[in-house]
Amino acid sequence: MLHLLGVNLPDQKVVSVALTYFYGIGPQTARKICSRLSFHRECKLSELTEGQLNQLSGVLSEMTIENDLKRQVSANVQHLRQIGTYVGKRHAMGLPVHGQKTRNNARTAKLLNGKMLRRYSTASTTAFAMFNSPVSSKLQ
């Protein structure tokens, strides 16, 4: 296993496939990176030299991937919610954002957009949890 910029990459994978393990890099972007660094299509991570790995990490460090990208996406969604756009309201309600129908199929959107709701808790729920915790009952 190769540990590169906080992500474990398997040695026996083709480079273009292994690059898709990074959040924010899909197959097409991975192929562009490989062609930019002149890696052949079937090159595996174990076949790369130290210099090629340094070039690869240099290219990846210039990109917005992993936690930076996740933070940027959540900030964009939060901004849409704050300014009160239609898309922001749909995110806040946990409904589909891109115009899909909700009569039958909205299960995936409700799951994904609902994660955002559960992550941001309100003060009333934290106060309720604080007063009903086992620790507070022992103090009384």
N, C-alpha and C. Protein backbone atom coordinates (compact mmCIF):
# COMPACT_ATOMS: atom_id res chain seq x y z
N MET A 1 0.84 -1.19 0.00
CA MET A 1 0.00 0.00 0.00
C MET A 1 0.88 1.24 0.00
N LEU A 2 0.57 2.13 -0.90
CA LEU A 2 1.28 3.39 -1.01
C LEU A 2 0.45 4.47 -0.33
N HIS A 3 1.03 5.19 0.59
CA HIS A 3 0.32 6.26 1.29
C HIS A 3 0.72 7.58 0.64
N LEU A 4 -0.22 8.21 -0.05
CA LEU A 4 0.07 9.43 -0.80
C LEU A 4 -0.96 10.49 -0.44
N LEU A 5 -0.51 11.59 0.16
CA LEU A 5 -1.36 12.72 0.54
C LEU A 5 -2.56 12.29 1.39
N GLY A 6 -2.33 11.38 2.32
CA GLY A 6 -3.37 10.98 3.25
C GLY A 6 -4.28 9.88 2.77
N VAL A 7 -4.03 9.31 1.60
CA VAL A 7 -4.88 8.25 1.06
C VAL A 7 -4.03 7.02 0.79
N ASN A 8 -4.52 5.87 1.21
CA ASN A 8 -3.83 4.61 0.93
C ASN A 8 -4.22 4.12 -0.46
N LEU A 9 -3.22 3.91 -1.29
CA LEU A 9 -3.44 3.44 -2.66
C LEU A 9 -2.85 2.04 -2.81
N PRO A 10 -3.60 1.10 -3.40
CA PRO A 10 -3.07 -0.25 -3.57
C PRO A 10 -1.99 -0.29 -4.65
N ASP A 11 -0.93 -1.04 -4.40
CA ASP A 11 0.22 -1.10 -5.30
C ASP A 11 -0.08 -1.76 -6.63
N GLN A 12 -0.92 -2.76 -6.64
CA GLN A 12 -1.13 -3.55 -7.85
C GLN A 12 -2.22 -2.98 -8.76
N LYS A 13 -2.74 -1.81 -8.47
CA LYS A 13 -3.74 -1.17 -9.33
C LYS A 13 -3.05 -0.36 -10.42
N VAL A 14 -3.75 -0.21 -11.54
CA VAL A 14 -3.29 0.68 -12.60
C VAL A 14 -3.38 2.11 -12.06
N VAL A 15 -2.46 2.96 -12.45
CA VAL A 15 -2.36 4.31 -11.88
C VAL A 15 -3.65 5.09 -12.07
N SER A 16 -4.25 5.02 -13.25
CA SER A 16 -5.46 5.79 -13.51
C SER A 16 -6.63 5.31 -12.65
N VAL A 17 -6.66 4.03 -12.32
CA VAL A 17 -7.71 3.51 -11.44
C VAL A 17 -7.41 3.89 -10.00
N ALA A 18 -6.17 3.81 -9.59
CA ALA A 18 -5.79 4.12 -8.21
C ALA A 18 -6.02 5.59 -7.88
N LEU A 19 -5.88 6.46 -8.87
CA LEU A 19 -6.09 7.89 -8.61
C LEU A 19 -7.55 8.21 -8.29
N THR A 20 -8.47 7.34 -8.72
CA THR A 20 -9.88 7.58 -8.41
C THR A 20 -10.20 7.31 -6.94
N TYR A 21 -9.25 6.80 -6.16
CA TYR A 21 -9.44 6.63 -4.73
C TYR A 21 -9.46 7.98 -4.01
N PHE A 22 -8.95 9.02 -4.65
CA PHE A 22 -9.01 10.37 -4.07
C PHE A 22 -10.40 10.94 -4.28
N TYR A 23 -10.94 11.59 -3.25
CA TYR A 23 -12.22 12.26 -3.38
C TYR A 23 -12.03 13.48 -4.28
N GLY A 24 -12.79 13.52 -5.36
CA GLY A 24 -12.70 14.64 -6.28
C GLY A 24 -11.98 14.31 -7.58
N ILE A 25 -11.47 13.09 -7.72
CA ILE A 25 -10.82 12.67 -8.96
C ILE A 25 -11.60 11.51 -9.53
N GLY A 26 -12.15 11.71 -10.71
CA GLY A 26 -12.87 10.66 -11.41
C GLY A 26 -11.99 10.01 -12.46
N PRO A 27 -12.57 9.10 -13.24
CA PRO A 27 -11.78 8.41 -14.26
C PRO A 27 -11.20 9.33 -15.32
N GLN A 28 -11.97 10.30 -15.77
CA GLN A 28 -11.48 11.19 -16.82
C GLN A 28 -10.35 12.08 -16.32
N THR A 29 -10.48 12.62 -15.12
CA THR A 29 -9.42 13.44 -14.55
C THR A 29 -8.17 12.61 -14.30
N ALA A 30 -8.35 11.37 -13.87
CA ALA A 30 -7.21 10.48 -13.64
C ALA A 30 -6.46 10.22 -14.94
N ARG A 31 -7.20 9.99 -16.04
CA ARG A 31 -6.55 9.77 -17.33
C ARG A 31 -5.80 11.01 -17.78
N LYS A 32 -6.36 12.20 -17.54
CA LYS A 32 -5.67 13.44 -17.92
C LYS A 32 -4.37 13.62 -17.13
N ILE A 33 -4.41 13.28 -15.85
CA ILE A 33 -3.21 13.38 -15.02
C ILE A 33 -2.14 12.41 -15.54
N CYS A 34 -2.55 11.19 -15.88
CA CYS A 34 -1.60 10.20 -16.38
C CYS A 34 -1.00 10.62 -17.71
N SER A 35 -1.81 11.20 -18.59
CA SER A 35 -1.26 11.64 -19.87
C SER A 35 -0.35 12.85 -19.69
N ARG A 36 -0.67 13.71 -18.73
CA ARG A 36 0.17 14.87 -18.45
C ARG A 36 1.55 14.45 -17.95
N LEU A 37 1.57 13.39 -17.14
CA LEU A 37 2.84 12.90 -16.59
C LEU A 37 3.46 11.82 -17.47
N SER A 38 2.85 11.52 -18.60
CA SER A 38 3.29 10.54 -19.59
C SER A 38 3.49 9.14 -19.00
N PHE A 39 2.47 8.67 -18.24
CA PHE A 39 2.42 7.30 -17.79
C PHE A 39 1.63 6.51 -18.83
N HIS A 40 2.09 5.32 -19.20
CA HIS A 40 1.32 4.53 -20.16
C HIS A 40 0.07 3.96 -19.49
N ARG A 41 -0.89 3.52 -20.29
CA ARG A 41 -2.21 3.14 -19.78
C ARG A 41 -2.18 2.03 -18.76
N GLU A 42 -1.33 1.05 -18.94
CA GLU A 42 -1.31 -0.12 -18.07
C GLU A 42 -0.25 -0.05 -16.99
N CYS A 43 0.29 1.12 -16.74
CA CYS A 43 1.32 1.28 -15.71
C CYS A 43 0.70 1.13 -14.32
N LYS A 44 1.34 0.32 -13.48
CA LYS A 44 0.84 0.11 -12.12
C LYS A 44 1.63 0.97 -11.14
N LEU A 45 1.05 1.20 -9.99
CA LEU A 45 1.71 2.04 -8.98
C LEU A 45 3.05 1.46 -8.54
N SER A 46 3.14 0.15 -8.48
CA SER A 46 4.39 -0.47 -8.03
C SER A 46 5.52 -0.27 -9.04
N GLU A 47 5.18 0.03 -10.31
CA GLU A 47 6.20 0.22 -11.34
C GLU A 47 6.74 1.65 -11.40
N LEU A 48 6.13 2.58 -10.66
CA LEU A 48 6.57 3.97 -10.71
C LEU A 48 7.85 4.16 -9.91
N THR A 49 8.69 5.06 -10.40
CA THR A 49 9.93 5.37 -9.69
C THR A 49 9.68 6.46 -8.66
N GLU A 50 10.67 6.74 -7.84
CA GLU A 50 10.55 7.81 -6.84
C GLU A 50 10.28 9.15 -7.49
N GLY A 51 10.98 9.46 -8.57
CA GLY A 51 10.79 10.73 -9.26
C GLY A 51 9.38 10.87 -9.82
N GLN A 52 8.86 9.77 -10.37
CA GLN A 52 7.49 9.82 -10.90
C GLN A 52 6.48 9.99 -9.79
N LEU A 53 6.71 9.36 -8.64
CA LEU A 53 5.81 9.53 -7.49
C LEU A 53 5.86 10.96 -6.97
N ASN A 54 7.05 11.57 -6.98
CA ASN A 54 7.16 12.97 -6.57
C ASN A 54 6.42 13.89 -7.53
N GLN A 55 6.53 13.61 -8.84
CA GLN A 55 5.78 14.40 -9.82
C GLN A 55 4.29 14.25 -9.60
N LEU A 56 3.85 13.02 -9.35
CA LEU A 56 2.43 12.76 -9.12
C LEU A 56 1.93 13.48 -7.89
N SER A 57 2.68 13.43 -6.80
CA SER A 57 2.25 14.13 -5.58
C SER A 57 2.27 15.64 -5.78
N GLY A 58 3.20 16.14 -6.61
CA GLY A 58 3.21 17.57 -6.90
C GLY A 58 1.98 18.01 -7.67
N VAL A 59 1.56 17.21 -8.64
CA VAL A 59 0.35 17.54 -9.42
C VAL A 59 -0.88 17.46 -8.52
N LEU A 60 -0.95 16.44 -7.67
CA LEU A 60 -2.11 16.28 -6.79
C LEU A 60 -2.18 17.36 -5.73
N SER A 61 -1.03 17.85 -5.27
CA SER A 61 -1.04 18.89 -4.24
C SER A 61 -1.53 20.23 -4.79
N GLU A 62 -1.41 20.42 -6.11
CA GLU A 62 -1.93 21.65 -6.72
C GLU A 62 -3.45 21.62 -6.86
N MET A 63 -4.05 20.44 -6.84
CA MET A 63 -5.49 20.29 -7.05
C MET A 63 -6.25 20.44 -5.74
N THR A 64 -7.52 20.76 -5.85
CA THR A 64 -8.40 20.80 -4.69
C THR A 64 -9.08 19.44 -4.58
N ILE A 65 -8.59 18.62 -3.65
CA ILE A 65 -9.13 17.27 -3.47
C ILE A 65 -9.28 16.99 -1.99
N GLU A 66 -9.93 15.87 -1.69
CA GLU A 66 -10.14 15.35 -0.35
C GLU A 66 -10.83 16.36 0.58
N ASN A 67 -10.27 16.64 1.74
CA ASN A 67 -10.94 17.45 2.75
C ASN A 67 -11.17 18.90 2.30
N ASP A 68 -10.25 19.46 1.53
CA ASP A 68 -10.44 20.82 1.04
C ASP A 68 -11.68 20.90 0.15
N LEU A 69 -11.85 19.92 -0.73
CA LEU A 69 -13.00 19.90 -1.62
C LEU A 69 -14.29 19.66 -0.85
N LYS A 70 -14.27 18.76 0.11
CA LYS A 70 -15.45 18.50 0.94
C LYS A 70 -15.86 19.76 1.70
N ARG A 71 -14.86 20.46 2.24
CA ARG A 71 -15.13 21.69 2.96
C ARG A 71 -15.72 22.76 2.03
N GLN A 72 -15.20 22.83 0.81
CA GLN A 72 -15.68 23.82 -0.15
C GLN A 72 -17.12 23.52 -0.57
N VAL A 73 -17.44 22.24 -0.80
CA VAL A 73 -18.80 21.86 -1.19
C VAL A 73 -19.78 22.16 -0.07
N SER A 74 -19.42 21.80 1.17
CA SER A 74 -20.34 22.07 2.28
C SER A 74 -20.49 23.56 2.52
N ALA A 75 -19.44 24.34 2.29
CA ALA A 75 -19.56 25.80 2.42
C ALA A 75 -20.48 26.37 1.35
N ASN A 76 -20.41 25.82 0.13
CA ASN A 76 -21.31 26.28 -0.93
C ASN A 76 -22.76 25.98 -0.60
N VAL A 77 -23.02 24.77 -0.09
CA VAL A 77 -24.39 24.40 0.29
C VAL A 77 -24.87 25.28 1.44
N GLN A 78 -24.01 25.51 2.41
CA GLN A 78 -24.37 26.35 3.54
C GLN A 78 -24.68 27.77 3.09
N HIS A 79 -23.93 28.28 2.12
CA HIS A 79 -24.17 29.62 1.59
C HIS A 79 -25.53 29.68 0.90
N LEU A 80 -25.85 28.65 0.12
CA LEU A 80 -27.16 28.61 -0.54
C LEU A 80 -28.29 28.57 0.47
N ARG A 81 -28.08 27.86 1.58
CA ARG A 81 -29.10 27.81 2.62
C ARG A 81 -29.26 29.16 3.31
N GLN A 82 -28.15 29.84 3.54
CA GLN A 82 -28.22 31.12 4.25
C GLN A 82 -28.90 32.21 3.44
N ILE A 83 -28.64 32.26 2.14
CA ILE A 83 -29.24 33.32 1.34
C ILE A 83 -30.66 32.99 0.93
N GLY A 84 -31.12 31.78 1.22
CA GLY A 84 -32.53 31.44 1.02
C GLY A 84 -32.92 31.10 -0.40
N THR A 85 -32.02 30.55 -1.18
CA THR A 85 -32.38 30.17 -2.54
C THR A 85 -33.25 28.92 -2.52
N TYR A 86 -33.86 28.63 -3.66
CA TYR A 86 -34.69 27.45 -3.80
C TYR A 86 -33.87 26.19 -3.56
N VAL A 87 -32.68 26.16 -4.14
CA VAL A 87 -31.80 25.00 -3.98
C VAL A 87 -31.40 24.84 -2.51
N GLY A 88 -31.12 25.94 -1.83
CA GLY A 88 -30.76 25.88 -0.43
C GLY A 88 -31.90 25.36 0.43
N LYS A 89 -33.14 25.77 0.10
CA LYS A 89 -34.29 25.27 0.84
C LYS A 89 -34.49 23.78 0.62
N ARG A 90 -34.25 23.32 -0.61
CA ARG A 90 -34.36 21.90 -0.90
C ARG A 90 -33.29 21.10 -0.13
N HIS A 91 -32.09 21.65 -0.04
CA HIS A 91 -31.05 21.00 0.77
C HIS A 91 -31.49 20.95 2.23
N ALA A 92 -32.06 22.04 2.73
CA ALA A 92 -32.44 22.11 4.13
C ALA A 92 -33.57 21.12 4.45
N MET A 93 -34.48 20.89 3.49
CA MET A 93 -35.58 19.96 3.72
C MET A 93 -35.20 18.51 3.43
N GLY A 94 -34.03 18.30 2.85
CA GLY A 94 -33.61 16.95 2.54
C GLY A 94 -34.28 16.38 1.32
N LEU A 95 -34.63 17.22 0.36
CA LEU A 95 -35.31 16.80 -0.85
C LEU A 95 -34.39 16.89 -2.05
N PRO A 96 -34.78 16.30 -3.19
CA PRO A 96 -33.94 16.39 -4.38
C PRO A 96 -33.74 17.83 -4.83
N VAL A 97 -32.56 18.14 -5.32
CA VAL A 97 -32.19 19.51 -5.63
C VAL A 97 -32.28 19.81 -7.11
N HIS A 98 -32.06 18.82 -7.96
CA HIS A 98 -31.94 19.06 -9.39
C HIS A 98 -33.22 18.82 -10.17
N GLY A 99 -34.38 19.07 -9.57
CA GLY A 99 -35.64 19.04 -10.31
C GLY A 99 -36.28 17.68 -10.44
N GLN A 100 -35.86 16.68 -9.69
CA GLN A 100 -36.48 15.37 -9.80
C GLN A 100 -37.85 15.37 -9.14
N LYS A 101 -38.68 14.41 -9.54
CA LYS A 101 -39.99 14.24 -8.92
C LYS A 101 -39.83 13.58 -7.56
N THR A 102 -40.75 13.86 -6.65
CA THR A 102 -40.63 13.29 -5.31
C THR A 102 -41.78 12.37 -4.96
N ARG A 103 -42.71 12.17 -5.89
CA ARG A 103 -43.86 11.34 -5.56
C ARG A 103 -43.44 9.90 -5.28
N ASN A 104 -42.56 9.37 -6.10
CA ASN A 104 -42.13 7.98 -5.92
C ASN A 104 -40.69 7.87 -5.47
N ASN A 105 -39.79 8.47 -6.20
CA ASN A 105 -38.38 8.21 -6.00
C ASN A 105 -37.65 9.45 -5.49
N ALA A 106 -37.38 9.50 -4.21
CA ALA A 106 -36.54 10.55 -3.66
C ALA A 106 -35.74 9.99 -2.50
N ARG A 107 -35.66 8.67 -2.44
CA ARG A 107 -35.03 8.01 -1.29
C ARG A 107 -33.56 8.38 -1.15
N THR A 108 -32.82 8.37 -2.27
CA THR A 108 -31.40 8.67 -2.20
C THR A 108 -31.17 10.11 -1.78
N ALA A 109 -31.93 11.03 -2.34
CA ALA A 109 -31.77 12.43 -1.99
C ALA A 109 -32.12 12.68 -0.54
N LYS A 110 -33.14 12.01 -0.06
CA LYS A 110 -33.52 12.18 1.34
C LYS A 110 -32.43 11.66 2.27
N LEU A 111 -31.76 10.61 1.85
CA LEU A 111 -30.65 10.10 2.66
C LEU A 111 -29.46 11.03 2.62
N LEU A 112 -29.06 11.46 1.40
CA LEU A 112 -27.85 12.26 1.27
C LEU A 112 -28.04 13.67 1.82
N ASN A 113 -29.15 14.31 1.47
CA ASN A 113 -29.38 15.67 1.97
C ASN A 113 -29.76 15.66 3.44
N GLY A 114 -30.27 14.56 3.94
CA GLY A 114 -30.60 14.46 5.36
C GLY A 114 -29.37 14.38 6.23
N LYS A 115 -28.24 13.89 5.69
CA LYS A 115 -27.01 13.87 6.46
C LYS A 115 -26.61 15.27 6.86
N MET A 116 -26.85 16.21 5.97
CA MET A 116 -26.51 17.59 6.25
C MET A 116 -27.33 18.11 7.43
N LEU A 117 -28.60 17.71 7.48
CA LEU A 117 -29.47 18.16 8.57
C LEU A 117 -29.05 17.56 9.90
N ARG A 118 -28.68 16.30 9.89
CA ARG A 118 -28.30 15.65 11.15
C ARG A 118 -26.97 16.14 11.68
N ARG A 119 -26.10 16.59 10.79
CA ARG A 119 -24.78 17.03 11.24
C ARG A 119 -24.86 18.35 11.98
N TYR A 120 -25.72 19.25 11.53
CA TYR A 120 -25.86 20.55 12.18
C TYR A 120 -27.00 20.47 13.18
N SER A 121 -26.67 20.41 14.45
CA SER A 121 -27.70 20.30 15.46
C SER A 121 -28.07 21.68 15.98
N THR A 122 -29.28 21.79 16.48
CA THR A 122 -29.74 23.06 17.04
C THR A 122 -29.44 23.07 18.53
N ALA A 123 -29.56 24.24 19.13
CA ALA A 123 -29.24 24.39 20.56
C ALA A 123 -30.26 23.65 21.41
N SER A 124 -31.53 23.58 20.97
CA SER A 124 -32.56 22.92 21.78
C SER A 124 -32.29 21.42 21.89
N THR A 125 -31.81 20.79 20.82
CA THR A 125 -31.55 19.36 20.90
C THR A 125 -30.33 19.07 21.76
N THR A 126 -29.34 19.93 21.73
CA THR A 126 -28.17 19.70 22.57
C THR A 126 -28.51 19.95 24.03
N ALA A 127 -29.37 20.93 24.29
CA ALA A 127 -29.79 21.19 25.66
C ALA A 127 -30.61 20.02 26.18
N PHE A 128 -31.50 19.46 25.35
CA PHE A 128 -32.30 18.30 25.74
C PHE A 128 -31.41 17.12 26.06
N ALA A 129 -30.40 16.89 25.23
CA ALA A 129 -29.49 15.77 25.45
C ALA A 129 -28.64 16.00 26.70
N MET A 130 -28.31 17.25 26.99
CA MET A 130 -27.47 17.54 28.13
C MET A 130 -28.23 17.29 29.43
N PHE A 131 -29.53 17.65 29.49
CA PHE A 131 -30.29 17.50 30.72
C PHE A 131 -30.79 16.07 30.93
N ASN A 132 -30.84 15.30 29.87
CA ASN A 132 -31.32 13.92 29.99
C ASN A 132 -30.20 12.90 29.94
N SER A 133 -28.96 13.35 30.08
CA SER A 133 -27.85 12.41 30.04
C SER A 133 -27.71 11.73 31.41
N PRO A 134 -27.12 10.53 31.44
CA PRO A 134 -26.94 9.83 32.72
C PRO A 134 -26.03 10.57 33.68
N VAL A 135 -25.12 11.37 33.18
CA VAL A 135 -24.20 12.10 34.04
C VAL A 135 -24.95 13.16 34.84
N SER A 136 -25.89 13.87 34.19
CA SER A 136 -26.60 14.94 34.89
C SER A 136 -27.55 14.37 35.94
N SER A 137 -28.09 13.15 35.72
CA SER A 137 -28.98 12.57 36.72
C SER A 137 -28.21 12.14 37.96
N LYS A 138 -26.93 11.80 37.83
CA LYS A 138 -26.12 11.43 38.99
C LYS A 138 -25.76 12.65 39.82
N LEU A 139 -25.72 13.82 39.19
CA LEU A 139 -25.37 15.03 39.91
C LEU A 139 -26.49 15.51 40.82
N GLN A 140 -27.72 15.15 40.51
CA GLN A 140 -28.87 15.63 41.30
C GLN A 140 -29.12 14.85 42.53
